[in-house]
């Protein structure tokens, strides 16, 4: 009977603990739908900002060609 207890503590218990924390880790690394929505909004904002910066650079290139060296 002692052998069975020792075997459980040496083999089964560590595996159960490892699988428990691996499962917890996998669940915590997934994005929720709210996180995905926020990420999409941030991506859209970044694209709009990039387009605005490109427009400003075109305007500055036309009005003051040497603005980049200043």
PDB file of N, CA and C in Angstrom:
ATOM      1  N   UNK A   1       0.813  -1.196   0.000  1.00  0.00           N
ATOM      2  CA  UNK A   1       0.000   0.000   0.000  1.00  0.00           C
ATOM      3  C   UNK A   1       0.862   1.267   0.000  1.00  0.00           C
ATOM      4  N   UNK A   2       1.992   1.225   0.739  1.00  0.00           N
ATOM      5  CA  UNK A   2       2.891   2.374   0.750  1.00  0.00           C
ATOM      6  C   UNK A   2       3.464   2.625  -0.635  1.00  0.00           C
ATOM      7  N   UNK A   3       3.741   1.562  -1.357  1.00  0.00           N
ATOM      8  CA  UNK A   3       4.300   1.686  -2.694  1.00  0.00           C
ATOM      9  C   UNK A   3       3.339   2.418  -3.615  1.00  0.00           C
ATOM     10  N   UNK A   4       2.063   2.134  -3.474  1.00  0.00           N
ATOM     11  CA  UNK A   4       1.057   2.796  -4.294  1.00  0.00           C
ATOM     12  C   UNK A   4       1.002   4.291  -3.985  1.00  0.00           C
ATOM     13  N   UNK A   5       1.075   4.652  -2.724  1.00  0.00           N
ATOM     14  CA  UNK A   5       1.078   6.058  -2.322  1.00  0.00           C
ATOM     15  C   UNK A   5       2.303   6.794  -2.828  1.00  0.00           C
ATOM     16  N   UNK A   6       3.447   6.149  -2.703  1.00  0.00           N
ATOM     17  CA  UNK A   6       4.692   6.757  -3.182  1.00  0.00           C
ATOM     18  C   UNK A   6       4.652   6.913  -4.697  1.00  0.00           C
ATOM     19  N   UNK A   7       4.160   5.904  -5.383  1.00  0.00           N
ATOM     20  CA  UNK A   7       4.040   5.966  -6.835  1.00  0.00           C
ATOM     21  C   UNK A   7       3.116   7.111  -7.255  1.00  0.00           C
ATOM     22  N   UNK A   8       2.021   7.271  -6.547  1.00  0.00           N
ATOM     23  CA  UNK A   8       1.092   8.362  -6.839  1.00  0.00           C
ATOM     24  C   UNK A   8       1.782   9.708  -6.652  1.00  0.00           C
ATOM     25  N   UNK A   9       2.492   9.870  -5.535  1.00  0.00           N
ATOM     26  CA  UNK A   9       3.141  11.150  -5.237  1.00  0.00           C
ATOM     27  C   UNK A   9       4.290  11.455  -6.197  1.00  0.00           C
ATOM     28  N   UNK A  10       4.951  10.433  -6.692  1.00  0.00           N
ATOM     29  CA  UNK A  10       6.114  10.643  -7.552  1.00  0.00           C
ATOM     30  C   UNK A  10       5.720  10.815  -9.021  1.00  0.00           C
ATOM     31  N   UNK A  11       4.677  10.116  -9.466  1.00  0.00           N
ATOM     32  CA  UNK A  11       4.333  10.127 -10.889  1.00  0.00           C
ATOM     33  C   UNK A  11       3.053  10.907 -11.161  1.00  0.00           C
ATOM     34  N   UNK A  12       1.980  10.538 -10.522  1.00  0.00           N
ATOM     35  CA  UNK A  12       0.671  11.081 -10.875  1.00  0.00           C
ATOM     36  C   UNK A  12       0.500  12.521 -10.404  1.00  0.00           C
ATOM     37  N   UNK A  13       0.829  12.809  -9.162  1.00  0.00           N
ATOM     38  CA  UNK A  13       0.621  14.156  -8.623  1.00  0.00           C
ATOM     39  C   UNK A  13       1.386  15.223  -9.412  1.00  0.00           C
ATOM     40  N   UNK A  14       2.669  15.039  -9.712  1.00  0.00           N
ATOM     41  CA  UNK A  14       3.363  16.061 -10.508  1.00  0.00           C
ATOM     42  C   UNK A  14       2.745  16.265 -11.891  1.00  0.00           C
ATOM     43  N   UNK A  15       2.317  15.175 -12.524  1.00  0.00           N
ATOM     44  CA  UNK A  15       1.676  15.314 -13.835  1.00  0.00           C
ATOM     45  C   UNK A  15       0.375  16.095 -13.729  1.00  0.00           C
ATOM     46  N   UNK A  16      -0.395  15.833 -12.690  1.00  0.00           N
ATOM     47  CA  UNK A  16      -1.650  16.566 -12.498  1.00  0.00           C
ATOM     48  C   UNK A  16      -1.379  18.054 -12.297  1.00  0.00           C
ATOM     49  N   UNK A  17      -0.369  18.370 -11.514  1.00  0.00           N
ATOM     50  CA  UNK A  17      -0.021  19.772 -11.266  1.00  0.00           C
ATOM     51  C   UNK A  17       0.451  20.439 -12.555  1.00  0.00           C
ATOM     52  N   UNK A  18       1.299  19.758 -13.307  1.00  0.00           N
ATOM     53  CA  UNK A  18       1.802  20.320 -14.567  1.00  0.00           C
ATOM     54  C   UNK A  18       0.659  20.565 -15.544  1.00  0.00           C
ATOM     55  N   UNK A  19      -0.209  19.587 -15.730  1.00  0.00           N
ATOM     56  CA  UNK A  19      -1.331  19.752 -16.656  1.00  0.00           C
ATOM     57  C   UNK A  19      -2.279  20.852 -16.200  1.00  0.00           C
ATOM     58  N   UNK A  20      -2.459  20.990 -14.905  1.00  0.00           N
ATOM     59  CA  UNK A  20      -3.329  22.046 -14.380  1.00  0.00           C
ATOM     60  C   UNK A  20      -2.785  23.420 -14.770  1.00  0.00           C
ATOM     61  N   UNK A  21      -1.492  23.651 -14.533  1.00  0.00           N
ATOM     62  CA  UNK A  21      -0.930  24.962 -14.822  1.00  0.00           C
ATOM     63  C   UNK A  21      -0.752  25.208 -16.313  1.00  0.00           C
ATOM     64  N   UNK A  22      -0.524  24.175 -17.100  1.00  0.00           N
ATOM     65  CA  UNK A  22      -0.470  24.346 -18.556  1.00  0.00           C
ATOM     66  C   UNK A  22      -1.835  24.781 -19.074  1.00  0.00           C
ATOM     67  N   UNK A  23      -2.879  24.170 -18.565  1.00  0.00           N
ATOM     68  CA  UNK A  23      -4.237  24.540 -18.965  1.00  0.00           C
ATOM     69  C   UNK A  23      -4.541  25.979 -18.564  1.00  0.00           C
ATOM     70  N   UNK A  24      -4.173  26.364 -17.358  1.00  0.00           N
ATOM     71  CA  UNK A  24      -4.384  27.746 -16.899  1.00  0.00           C
ATOM     72  C   UNK A  24      -3.629  28.721 -17.791  1.00  0.00           C
ATOM     73  N   UNK A  25      -2.395  28.381 -18.145  1.00  0.00           N
ATOM     74  CA  UNK A  25      -1.581  29.256 -18.969  1.00  0.00           C
ATOM     75  C   UNK A  25      -2.201  29.433 -20.356  1.00  0.00           C
ATOM     76  N   UNK A  26      -2.681  28.342 -20.946  1.00  0.00           N
ATOM     77  CA  UNK A  26      -3.296  28.425 -22.270  1.00  0.00           C
ATOM     78  C   UNK A  26      -4.565  29.261 -22.241  1.00  0.00           C
ATOM     79  N   UNK A  27      -5.339  29.163 -21.192  1.00  0.00           N
ATOM     80  CA  UNK A  27      -6.565  29.941 -21.084  1.00  0.00           C
ATOM     81  C   UNK A  27      -6.257  31.422 -20.911  1.00  0.00           C
ATOM     82  N   UNK A  28      -5.201  31.737 -20.215  1.00  0.00           N
ATOM     83  CA  UNK A  28      -4.883  33.140 -19.965  1.00  0.00           C
ATOM     84  C   UNK A  28      -4.257  33.816 -21.175  1.00  0.00           C
ATOM     85  N   UNK A  29      -3.698  33.060 -22.115  1.00  0.00           N
ATOM     86  CA  UNK A  29      -3.051  33.670 -23.269  1.00  0.00           C
ATOM     87  C   UNK A  29      -4.014  33.913 -24.427  1.00  0.00           C
ATOM     88  N   UNK A  30      -5.236  33.450 -24.342  1.00  0.00           N
ATOM     89  CA  UNK A  30      -6.185  33.683 -25.425  1.00  0.00           C
ATOM     90  C   UNK A  30      -6.831  35.052 -25.260  1.00  0.00           C
ATOM     91  N   UNK A  31      -7.173  35.654 -26.371  1.00  0.00           N
ATOM     92  CA  UNK A  31      -7.817  36.958 -26.347  1.00  0.00           C
ATOM     93  C   UNK A  31      -9.324  36.792 -26.204  1.00  0.00           C
ATOM     94  N   UNK A  32      -9.897  37.640 -25.402  1.00  0.00           N
ATOM     95  CA  UNK A  32     -11.348  37.645 -25.294  1.00  0.00           C
ATOM     96  C   UNK A  32     -11.907  38.425 -26.479  1.00  0.00           C
ATOM     97  N   UNK A  33     -13.199  38.349 -26.676  1.00  0.00           N
ATOM     98  CA  UNK A  33     -13.812  39.087 -27.791  1.00  0.00           C
ATOM     99  C   UNK A  33     -13.666  40.591 -27.580  1.00  0.00           C
ATOM    100  N   UNK A  34     -13.699  41.020 -26.329  1.00  0.00           N
ATOM    101  CA  UNK A  34     -13.510  42.445 -26.042  1.00  0.00           C
ATOM    102  C   UNK A  34     -12.076  42.872 -26.378  1.00  0.00           C
ATOM    103  N   UNK A  35     -11.100  42.020 -26.055  1.00  0.00           N
ATOM    104  CA  UNK A  35      -9.707  42.316 -26.399  1.00  0.00           C
ATOM    105  C   UNK A  35      -9.529  42.401 -27.912  1.00  0.00           C
ATOM    106  N   UNK A  36     -10.160  41.497 -28.645  1.00  0.00           N
ATOM    107  CA  UNK A  36     -10.065  41.520 -30.107  1.00  0.00           C
ATOM    108  C   UNK A  36     -10.694  42.787 -30.672  1.00  0.00           C
ATOM    109  N   UNK A  37     -11.805  43.217 -30.089  1.00  0.00           N
ATOM    110  CA  UNK A  37     -12.473  44.438 -30.541  1.00  0.00           C
ATOM    111  C   UNK A  37     -11.573  45.650 -30.309  1.00  0.00           C
ATOM    112  N   UNK A  38     -10.971  45.732 -29.129  1.00  0.00           N
ATOM    113  CA  UNK A  38     -10.075  46.844 -28.816  1.00  0.00           C
ATOM    114  C   UNK A  38      -8.866  46.827 -29.746  1.00  0.00           C
ATOM    115  N   UNK A  39      -8.323  45.652 -29.998  1.00  0.00           N
ATOM    116  CA  UNK A  39      -7.173  45.522 -30.889  1.00  0.00           C
ATOM    117  C   UNK A  39      -7.523  45.969 -32.306  1.00  0.00           C
ATOM    118  N   UNK A  40      -8.702  45.610 -32.773  1.00  0.00           N
ATOM    119  CA  UNK A  40      -9.157  46.033 -34.102  1.00  0.00           C
ATOM    120  C   UNK A  40      -9.322  47.547 -34.164  1.00  0.00           C
ATOM    121  N   UNK A  41      -9.897  48.137 -33.119  1.00  0.00           N
ATOM    122  CA  UNK A  41     -10.059  49.592 -33.081  1.00  0.00           C
ATOM    123  C   UNK A  41      -8.704  50.293 -33.079  1.00  0.00           C
ATOM    124  N   UNK A  42      -7.758  49.752 -32.330  1.00  0.00           N
ATOM    125  CA  UNK A  42      -6.421  50.343 -32.297  1.00  0.00           C
ATOM    126  C   UNK A  42      -5.747  50.241 -33.662  1.00  0.00           C
ATOM    127  N   UNK A  43      -5.925  49.115 -34.341  1.00  0.00           N
ATOM    128  CA  UNK A  43      -5.346  48.930 -35.677  1.00  0.00           C
ATOM    129  C   UNK A  43      -5.942  49.946 -36.652  1.00  0.00           C
ATOM    130  N   UNK A  44      -7.263  50.123 -36.599  1.00  0.00           N
ATOM    131  CA  UNK A  44      -7.919  51.096 -37.474  1.00  0.00           C
ATOM    132  C   UNK A  44      -7.418  52.510 -37.190  1.00  0.00           C
ATOM    133  N   UNK A  45      -7.265  52.843 -35.919  1.00  0.00           N
ATOM    134  CA  UNK A  45      -6.749  54.165 -35.551  1.00  0.00           C
ATOM    135  C   UNK A  45      -5.332  54.358 -36.078  1.00  0.00           C
ATOM    136  N   UNK A  46      -4.516  53.338 -35.956  1.00  0.00           N
ATOM    137  CA  UNK A  46      -3.135  53.429 -36.446  1.00  0.00           C
ATOM    138  C   UNK A  46      -3.103  53.644 -37.956  1.00  0.00           C
ATOM    139  N   UNK A  47      -3.986  52.968 -38.680  1.00  0.00           N
ATOM    140  CA  UNK A  47      -4.033  53.153 -40.139  1.00  0.00           C
ATOM    141  C   UNK A  47      -4.478  54.568 -40.494  1.00  0.00           C
ATOM    142  N   UNK A  48      -5.464  55.104 -39.768  1.00  0.00           N
ATOM    143  CA  UNK A  48      -5.911  56.480 -40.030  1.00  0.00           C
ATOM    144  C   UNK A  48      -4.800  57.483 -39.727  1.00  0.00           C
ATOM    145  N   UNK A  49      -4.094  57.271 -38.625  1.00  0.00           N
ATOM    146  CA  UNK A  49      -2.994  58.168 -38.265  1.00  0.00           C
ATOM    147  C   UNK A  49      -1.892  58.099 -39.316  1.00  0.00           C
ATOM    148  N   UNK A  50      -1.595  56.902 -39.793  1.00  0.00           N
ATOM    149  CA  UNK A  50      -0.572  56.751 -40.830  1.00  0.00           C
ATOM    150  C   UNK A  50      -0.972  57.504 -42.101  1.00  0.00           C
ATOM    151  N   UNK A  51      -2.233  57.410 -42.488  1.00  0.00           N
ATOM    152  CA  UNK A  51      -2.714  58.124 -43.677  1.00  0.00           C
ATOM    153  C   UNK A  51      -2.607  59.636 -43.474  1.00  0.00           C
ATOM    154  N   UNK A  52      -2.940  60.104 -42.285  1.00  0.00           N
ATOM    155  CA  UNK A  52      -2.834  61.543 -41.999  1.00  0.00           C
ATOM    156  C   UNK A  52      -1.386  62.012 -42.069  1.00  0.00           C
ATOM    157  N   UNK A  53      -0.487  61.226 -41.511  1.00  0.00           N
ATOM    158  CA  UNK A  53       0.933  61.598 -41.542  1.00  0.00           C
ATOM    159  C   UNK A  53       1.433  61.659 -42.982  1.00  0.00           C
ATOM    160  N   UNK A  54       1.027  60.707 -43.804  1.00  0.00           N
ATOM    161  CA  UNK A  54       1.442  60.722 -45.210  1.00  0.00           C
ATOM    162  C   UNK A  54       0.902  61.960 -45.920  1.00  0.00           C
ATOM    163  N   UNK A  55      -0.344  62.343 -45.622  1.00  0.00           N
ATOM    164  CA  UNK A  55      -0.909  63.554 -46.224  1.00  0.00           C
ATOM    165  C   UNK A  55      -0.144  64.795 -45.774  1.00  0.00           C
ATOM    166  N   UNK A  56       0.168  64.875 -44.494  1.00  0.00           N
ATOM    167  CA  UNK A  56       0.921  66.024 -43.982  1.00  0.00           C
ATOM    168  C   UNK A  56       2.298  66.082 -44.631  1.00  0.00           C
ATOM    169  N   UNK A  57       2.948  64.939 -44.795  1.00  0.00           N
ATOM    170  CA  UNK A  57       4.264  64.917 -45.431  1.00  0.00           C
ATOM    171  C   UNK A  57       4.181  65.358 -46.889  1.00  0.00           C
ATOM    172  N   UNK A  58       3.128  64.959 -47.601  1.00  0.00           N
ATOM    173  CA  UNK A  58       2.958  65.405 -48.995  1.00  0.00           C
ATOM    174  C   UNK A  58       2.777  66.920 -49.057  1.00  0.00           C
ATOM    175  N   UNK A  59       1.970  67.450 -48.144  1.00  0.00           N
ATOM    176  CA  UNK A  59       1.746  68.901 -48.116  1.00  0.00           C
ATOM    177  C   UNK A  59       3.055  69.628 -47.809  1.00  0.00           C
ATOM    178  N   UNK A  60       3.787  69.137 -46.815  1.00  0.00           N
ATOM    179  CA  UNK A  60       5.054  69.775 -46.465  1.00  0.00           C
ATOM    180  C   UNK A  60       6.067  69.665 -47.595  1.00  0.00           C
ATOM    181  N   UNK A  61       6.094  68.520 -48.286  1.00  0.00           N
ATOM    182  CA  UNK A  61       7.008  68.371 -49.424  1.00  0.00           C
ATOM    183  C   UNK A  61       6.691  69.385 -50.513  1.00  0.00           C
ATOM    184  N   UNK A  62       5.412  69.668 -50.724  1.00  0.00           N
ATOM    185  CA  UNK A  62       5.013  70.618 -51.764  1.00  0.00           C
ATOM    186  C   UNK A  62       5.309  72.057 -51.341  1.00  0.00           C
ATOM    187  N   UNK A  63       5.072  72.383 -50.082  1.00  0.00           N
ATOM    188  CA  UNK A  63       5.224  73.769 -49.635  1.00  0.00           C
ATOM    189  C   UNK A  63       6.640  74.106 -49.185  1.00  0.00           C
ATOM    190  N   UNK A  64       7.337  73.142 -48.612  1.00  0.00           N
ATOM    191  CA  UNK A  64       8.688  73.385 -48.101  1.00  0.00           C
ATOM    192  C   UNK A  64       9.530  72.129 -48.327  1.00  0.00           C
ATOM    193  N   UNK A  65      10.134  72.018 -49.507  1.00  0.00           N
ATOM    194  CA  UNK A  65      10.839  70.787 -49.875  1.00  0.00           C
ATOM    195  C   UNK A  65      11.984  70.388 -48.924  1.00  0.00           C
ATOM    196  N   UNK A  66      12.565  71.355 -48.227  1.00  0.00           N
ATOM    197  CA  UNK A  66      13.701  71.025 -47.357  1.00  0.00           C
ATOM    198  C   UNK A  66      13.305  70.874 -45.883  1.00  0.00           C
ATOM    199  N   UNK A  67      12.057  70.631 -45.614  1.00  0.00           N
ATOM    200  CA  UNK A  67      11.594  70.531 -44.223  1.00  0.00           C
ATOM    201  C   UNK A  67      12.181  69.321 -43.497  1.00  0.00           C
ATOM    202  N   UNK A  68      12.530  68.284 -44.223  1.00  0.00           N
ATOM    203  CA  UNK A  68      13.059  67.069 -43.578  1.00  0.00           C
ATOM    204  C   UNK A  68      14.479  67.274 -43.038  1.00  0.00           C
ATOM    205  N   UNK A  69      15.210  68.189 -43.607  1.00  0.00           N
ATOM    206  CA  UNK A  69      16.587  68.413 -43.164  1.00  0.00           C
ATOM    207  C   UNK A  69      16.677  69.415 -42.021  1.00  0.00           C
ATOM    208  N   UNK A  70      15.598  70.064 -41.698  1.00  0.00           N
ATOM    209  CA  UNK A  70      15.626  71.078 -40.630  1.00  0.00           C
ATOM    210  C   UNK A  70      15.613  70.446 -39.283  1.00  0.00           C
TER     211      UNK A  70
END
